[in-house]
Structures are given as structure tokens and as C-alpha cells.
Amino acid sequence: MKHFRNGWPWRDPECVRFAIPIIMMTCVLALTSLVAGCATWIIREERITLYHTQLKVNTIPEAANIVVAVQVNDKRDYLAPGISRKWGKAVVGYGRNGLGEETYPDIIVTRPVEQTIRQAVESELKARGFRVADDANLQIVIDINTFFNDYKVGFLRSDAVADLDMHVKMLSNGENRFSRQIAAQGRTAWAATMGSRDAEAALNMALDNGIDALFDDDAFIAALLMHKTAAGLPGKT
């Protein structure tokens, strides 16, 4: 058995030098856990703003006499696992800690998701020369099934991964002219905080990719151009 110089281990200089780093590390870990726990209880949510980046596109000459109505329905199940009942469909994600546990606040949008997607579609239509009116007989109907960000936690890195799933159909005087299911994803690698900042970037990327996939579809543009309307008479054929 080891004999200490002064009879007690805490009086032995060698033991003290060995114990101090361990005690300091324990205190740091305890303090970090306390701060993280307090932050979780104090900060209930983090708000983000979603927007679509409008790129420069060429105007379609034939689009000037075509009037389109856009309708977007949010059909996400807000009672699904991982969706907060408190904020409803405003929730588009939640943060995680380093262990992958859901401990950070809910991530909610500042305005309804359906309004953001509708504005994105309308801006793309107008950029190509189409006119937009709520009473038009040519309708684009979009059902949002999924729009959510989650963090994929790995051994050395964590990525923010946002998924957008929506069904798009086009009705001309009630007749179905176009139908497509669109699945898009946005990803930001090496997420630093696994909070709202990286989630916002990933969600905006997924939104851009989804809208671009729709308007890059030649069949979608062709279906729009098949509907001829008289200039100055929205919704009249």
C-alpha cells in the first residue's frame, strides 16, 4: 500500500497535481450540462424566415395572355412524431444536442408555409410573363405533404437535412392537365449549433430546389401554354 508523505492523500503534492485536472474537468462538464439544461427551459422556440431565391429567367412571349391562379394547401400532419402540438404547423424542425437528442427549442416559421410557397410559385410565373389572378380558370393546386428539417448526427459531423414533398396538379376549367409529385432536399454540412441557423439554410435550399424542379419541367410549362385566354379578361376562355 502506498504511504503518503503527510499521512493523507490530499496533502501529498503528487496526488494534488494528479487530482486537480480531473476536478476541473468534472466542474466544466457539470457547468456545461447545467447551462444547456437552463437554455432548453428558457428558450422555448427559435423563429426563422423562409424565402425563395428568384433567379433571372427569360420571358415567354406566349405567356402574356395566360392568367393563372395558385392555390397551396398545407396537408402536413402536425400531430406526427416530432411535431410540437403547441406551435402546430408553424414547426418546421427542432434542434439536437451533441448526442443527437431533441433538447433544443422548436424551430418555427414567421409566416405560414403555404403562403411562402404560394408567393414563390407566383413570382416564378410572373418572371416568365404569366399573369396571376385568384379567379382564373387555369389553376395550379399544390398540396404540401412534408416540409421539415432534421439533423443527421454522425461521429465527426452533423448535417442539417430538410425535406420538401409536394404534389402539384394543374386544372384547366376543371380538367386535369398536369400532375407530378415533387421531392426535394436541402442540406448544410457541418452544422455548428444544430439550431435554427443551419435549419433555415437547409429549408430555404429545399424550397429553391423544389420550385426549380417544377419550373424546369418542360411538361409543366407546356401545360401552362396550352391554356389560351383573352387579354384583359382574367379567367375567361
Protein backbone atom coordinates (compact mmCIF):
# COMPACT_ATOMS: atom_id res chain seq x y z
CA MET A 1 0.00 0.00 0.00
CA LYS A 2 1.22 3.48 -0.91
CA HIS A 3 2.40 5.61 2.03
CA PHE A 4 1.73 9.31 1.59
CA ARG A 5 4.21 11.88 2.82
CA ASN A 6 1.88 13.65 5.21
CA GLY A 7 -0.35 10.72 6.09
CA TRP A 8 -3.31 11.89 3.94
CA PRO A 9 -3.59 11.73 0.12
CA TRP A 10 -4.82 15.33 -0.29
CA ARG A 11 -1.67 16.53 1.47
CA ASP A 12 0.61 14.73 -0.95
CA PRO A 13 1.79 17.09 -3.75
CA GLU A 14 1.82 14.31 -6.35
CA CYS A 15 -1.79 13.37 -5.64
CA VAL A 16 -2.85 17.01 -5.72
CA ARG A 17 -1.22 17.57 -9.13
CA PHE A 18 -3.00 14.49 -10.46
CA ALA A 19 -6.39 15.31 -8.97
CA ILE A 20 -6.67 19.00 -9.94
CA PRO A 21 -7.18 18.42 -13.72
CA ILE A 22 -9.80 15.74 -13.02
CA ILE A 23 -11.69 18.00 -10.64
CA MET A 24 -11.57 20.91 -13.12
CA MET A 25 -12.82 18.73 -15.98
CA THR A 26 -15.68 17.45 -13.83
CA CYS A 27 -16.68 21.00 -12.91
CA VAL A 28 -16.61 22.12 -16.56
CA LEU A 29 -18.82 19.21 -17.65
CA ALA A 30 -21.25 19.83 -14.81
CA LEU A 31 -21.45 23.55 -15.64
CA THR A 32 -21.96 22.83 -19.35
CA SER A 33 -24.82 20.45 -18.61
CA LEU A 34 -26.39 22.99 -16.26
CA VAL A 35 -26.21 25.82 -18.81
CA ALA A 36 -27.58 23.61 -21.61
CA GLY A 37 -30.42 22.47 -19.41
CA CYS A 38 -31.30 26.01 -18.40
CA ALA A 39 -31.20 27.19 -22.02
CA THR A 40 -33.57 24.42 -23.01
CA TRP A 41 -36.11 25.53 -20.45
CA ILE A 42 -35.69 29.27 -21.02
CA ILE A 43 -35.65 29.37 -24.85
CA ARG A 44 -38.88 27.73 -25.96
CA GLU A 45 -38.61 28.40 -29.69
CA GLU A 46 -36.44 29.94 -32.40
CA ARG A 47 -38.10 31.73 -35.32
CA ILE A 48 -36.84 31.62 -38.90
CA THR A 49 -37.87 33.29 -42.16
CA LEU A 50 -38.25 31.21 -45.30
CA TYR A 51 -37.94 32.69 -48.78
CA HIS A 52 -37.39 31.59 -52.35
CA THR A 53 -34.45 33.00 -54.30
CA GLN A 54 -35.80 34.26 -57.61
CA LEU A 55 -33.30 33.71 -60.43
CA LYS A 56 -33.27 35.66 -63.67
CA VAL A 57 -35.25 33.83 -66.35
CA ASN A 58 -36.36 34.65 -69.88
CA THR A 59 -39.89 35.91 -70.51
CA ILE A 60 -42.12 33.62 -72.57
CA PRO A 61 -43.91 35.75 -75.22
CA GLU A 62 -46.97 33.48 -75.32
CA ALA A 63 -47.45 33.83 -71.57
CA ALA A 64 -48.73 37.42 -71.70
CA ASN A 65 -52.32 36.35 -72.43
CA ILE A 66 -52.43 33.47 -69.94
CA VAL A 67 -53.82 34.04 -66.46
CA VAL A 68 -53.11 31.58 -63.65
CA ALA A 69 -54.47 31.09 -60.14
CA VAL A 70 -52.29 29.47 -57.47
CA GLN A 71 -53.69 27.52 -54.55
CA VAL A 72 -51.47 25.93 -51.89
CA ASN A 73 -52.78 23.56 -49.22
CA ASP A 74 -50.72 22.61 -46.18
CA LYS A 75 -51.58 18.95 -45.57
CA ARG A 76 -48.73 18.15 -43.23
CA ASP A 77 -49.78 16.15 -40.18
CA TYR A 78 -48.81 18.37 -37.27
CA LEU A 79 -49.56 15.54 -34.84
CA ALA A 80 -46.92 13.31 -36.42
CA PRO A 81 -43.96 12.22 -34.25
CA GLY A 82 -41.54 15.08 -33.70
CA ILE A 83 -44.08 17.82 -34.44
CA SER A 84 -44.94 20.03 -31.49
CA ARG A 85 -48.63 20.31 -30.74
CA LYS A 86 -48.05 23.71 -29.18
CA TRP A 87 -46.99 25.50 -32.37
CA GLY A 88 -48.91 23.33 -34.84
CA LYS A 89 -47.93 23.62 -38.48
CA ALA A 90 -45.59 26.52 -37.75
CA VAL A 91 -43.00 23.98 -36.61
CA VAL A 92 -40.53 23.04 -39.35
CA GLY A 93 -37.81 21.43 -37.24
CA TYR A 94 -36.13 21.16 -33.89
CA GLY A 95 -32.57 21.26 -32.65
CA ARG A 96 -30.46 18.48 -31.20
CA ASN A 97 -27.55 18.23 -28.84
CA GLY A 98 -24.23 16.53 -29.49
CA LEU A 99 -25.71 13.13 -28.65
CA GLY A 100 -28.48 13.53 -31.20
CA GLU A 101 -31.16 14.05 -28.54
CA GLU A 102 -34.01 16.50 -29.10
CA THR A 103 -33.25 19.01 -26.37
CA TYR A 104 -33.15 22.34 -28.15
CA PRO A 105 -36.19 24.60 -28.78
CA ASP A 106 -38.73 24.13 -31.57
CA ILE A 107 -37.89 25.85 -34.86
CA ILE A 108 -40.93 27.73 -36.14
CA VAL A 109 -41.59 29.93 -39.18
CA THR A 110 -42.58 33.58 -39.00
CA ARG A 111 -45.37 33.11 -41.55
CA PRO A 112 -47.38 30.09 -42.79
CA VAL A 113 -45.52 27.69 -45.07
CA GLU A 114 -48.31 27.70 -47.66
CA GLN A 115 -48.00 31.47 -48.06
CA THR A 116 -44.26 31.20 -48.66
CA ILE A 117 -44.66 28.50 -51.31
CA ARG A 118 -47.53 30.30 -52.99
CA GLN A 119 -45.51 33.50 -53.23
CA ALA A 120 -42.57 31.55 -54.66
CA VAL A 121 -44.72 29.98 -57.39
CA GLU A 122 -46.40 33.26 -58.25
CA SER A 123 -43.05 35.07 -58.52
CA GLU A 124 -41.76 32.41 -60.92
CA LEU A 125 -44.90 32.70 -63.04
CA LYS A 126 -44.69 36.48 -63.22
CA ALA A 127 -40.98 36.34 -64.06
CA ARG A 128 -41.86 34.29 -67.15
CA GLY A 129 -44.63 36.68 -68.21
CA PHE A 130 -47.72 34.89 -66.91
CA ARG A 131 -50.40 36.89 -65.16
CA VAL A 132 -51.77 35.85 -61.78
CA ALA A 133 -55.38 36.23 -60.63
CA ASP A 134 -57.35 34.40 -57.97
CA ASP A 135 -60.40 33.89 -60.23
CA ALA A 136 -58.55 32.41 -63.22
CA ASN A 137 -59.89 29.21 -64.79
CA LEU A 138 -56.35 27.87 -65.07
CA GLN A 139 -55.35 26.72 -61.61
CA ILE A 140 -52.16 25.36 -60.08
CA VAL A 141 -53.03 23.38 -56.95
CA ILE A 142 -50.20 22.35 -54.62
CA ASP A 143 -50.56 20.04 -51.63
CA ILE A 144 -47.66 20.17 -49.15
CA ASN A 145 -47.11 16.77 -47.56
CA THR A 146 -43.70 17.27 -45.93
CA PHE A 147 -41.56 20.30 -45.16
CA PHE A 148 -39.28 19.64 -42.22
CA ASN A 149 -35.65 19.85 -41.16
CA ASP A 150 -33.85 17.29 -39.05
CA TYR A 151 -30.23 16.93 -38.01
CA LYS A 152 -28.28 13.85 -39.01
CA VAL A 153 -25.75 13.39 -36.23
CA GLY A 154 -22.63 11.43 -37.11
CA PHE A 155 -19.42 10.57 -35.33
CA LEU A 156 -17.43 13.58 -36.54
CA ARG A 157 -20.04 15.80 -38.22
CA SER A 158 -23.68 16.80 -38.13
CA ASP A 159 -25.71 17.89 -41.16
CA ALA A 160 -28.96 19.84 -41.37
CA VAL A 161 -31.21 17.96 -43.81
CA ALA A 162 -34.52 19.48 -44.94
CA ASP A 163 -37.10 17.57 -46.98
CA LEU A 164 -39.88 19.05 -49.10
CA ASP A 165 -42.55 16.79 -50.57
CA MET A 166 -45.45 18.27 -52.50
CA HIS A 167 -47.98 17.20 -55.10
CA VAL A 168 -48.65 19.62 -57.96
CA LYS A 169 -51.57 19.47 -60.34
CA MET A 170 -52.89 21.87 -62.97
CA LEU A 171 -56.60 22.28 -63.73
CA SER A 172 -57.90 23.99 -66.84
CA ASN A 173 -61.61 24.67 -66.46
CA GLY A 174 -61.72 21.74 -64.05
CA GLU A 175 -59.85 19.37 -66.38
CA ASN A 176 -56.58 17.90 -65.16
CA ARG A 177 -53.74 19.00 -67.46
CA PHE A 178 -50.68 18.17 -65.34
CA SER A 179 -49.81 16.15 -62.24
CA ARG A 180 -46.49 15.49 -60.54
CA GLN A 181 -45.09 14.53 -57.16
CA ILE A 182 -42.00 16.57 -56.28
CA ALA A 183 -39.48 15.57 -53.62
CA ALA A 184 -36.65 18.00 -52.93
CA GLN A 185 -33.95 18.21 -50.31
CA GLY A 186 -31.65 20.83 -48.86
CA ARG A 187 -28.53 20.04 -46.86
CA THR A 188 -25.99 22.12 -44.96
CA ALA A 189 -22.93 20.14 -43.93
CA TRP A 190 -21.01 20.52 -40.69
CA ALA A 191 -23.81 22.20 -38.77
CA ALA A 192 -22.21 24.19 -35.98
CA THR A 193 -25.01 24.58 -33.43
CA MET A 194 -27.78 22.23 -34.65
CA GLY A 195 -30.23 25.07 -34.03
CA SER A 196 -32.25 27.43 -36.20
CA ARG A 197 -29.47 28.92 -38.36
CA ASP A 198 -28.49 25.78 -40.23
CA ALA A 199 -32.11 24.60 -40.35
CA GLU A 200 -33.15 27.85 -42.02
CA ALA A 201 -30.45 27.49 -44.68
CA ALA A 202 -31.38 23.86 -45.39
CA LEU A 203 -35.12 24.61 -45.60
CA ASN A 204 -34.59 27.53 -47.97
CA MET A 205 -32.39 25.30 -50.11
CA ALA A 206 -35.07 22.60 -50.22
CA LEU A 207 -37.65 25.22 -51.17
CA ASP A 208 -35.47 26.53 -54.01
CA ASN A 209 -34.78 23.01 -55.28
CA GLY A 210 -38.46 22.09 -55.22
CA ILE A 211 -39.63 25.22 -57.06
CA ASP A 212 -36.80 24.92 -59.59
CA ALA A 213 -37.70 21.27 -60.25
CA LEU A 214 -41.27 22.31 -61.04
CA PHE A 215 -40.44 25.17 -63.40
CA ASP A 216 -37.63 23.25 -65.09
CA ASP A 217 -40.19 20.64 -66.10
CA ASP A 218 -40.97 21.17 -69.79
CA ALA A 219 -44.28 19.32 -69.42
CA PHE A 220 -45.38 21.84 -66.76
CA ILE A 221 -44.59 24.85 -68.93
CA ALA A 222 -46.23 23.21 -71.95
CA ALA A 223 -49.41 22.59 -69.95
CA LEU A 224 -49.49 26.26 -68.98
CA LEU A 225 -49.11 27.40 -72.57
CA MET A 226 -51.92 25.12 -73.76
CA HIS A 227 -54.43 27.33 -71.94
CA LYS A 228 -55.24 30.37 -74.06
CA THR A 229 -57.08 33.31 -72.53
CA ALA A 230 -58.20 36.61 -73.95
CA ALA A 231 -56.03 39.54 -72.94
CA GLY A 232 -57.58 41.65 -70.23
CA LEU A 233 -60.21 39.04 -69.33
CA PRO A 234 -58.84 37.00 -66.40
CA GLY A 235 -60.31 33.53 -66.20
CA LYS A 236 -62.30 33.84 -69.43
CA THR A 237 -61.61 31.41 -72.28
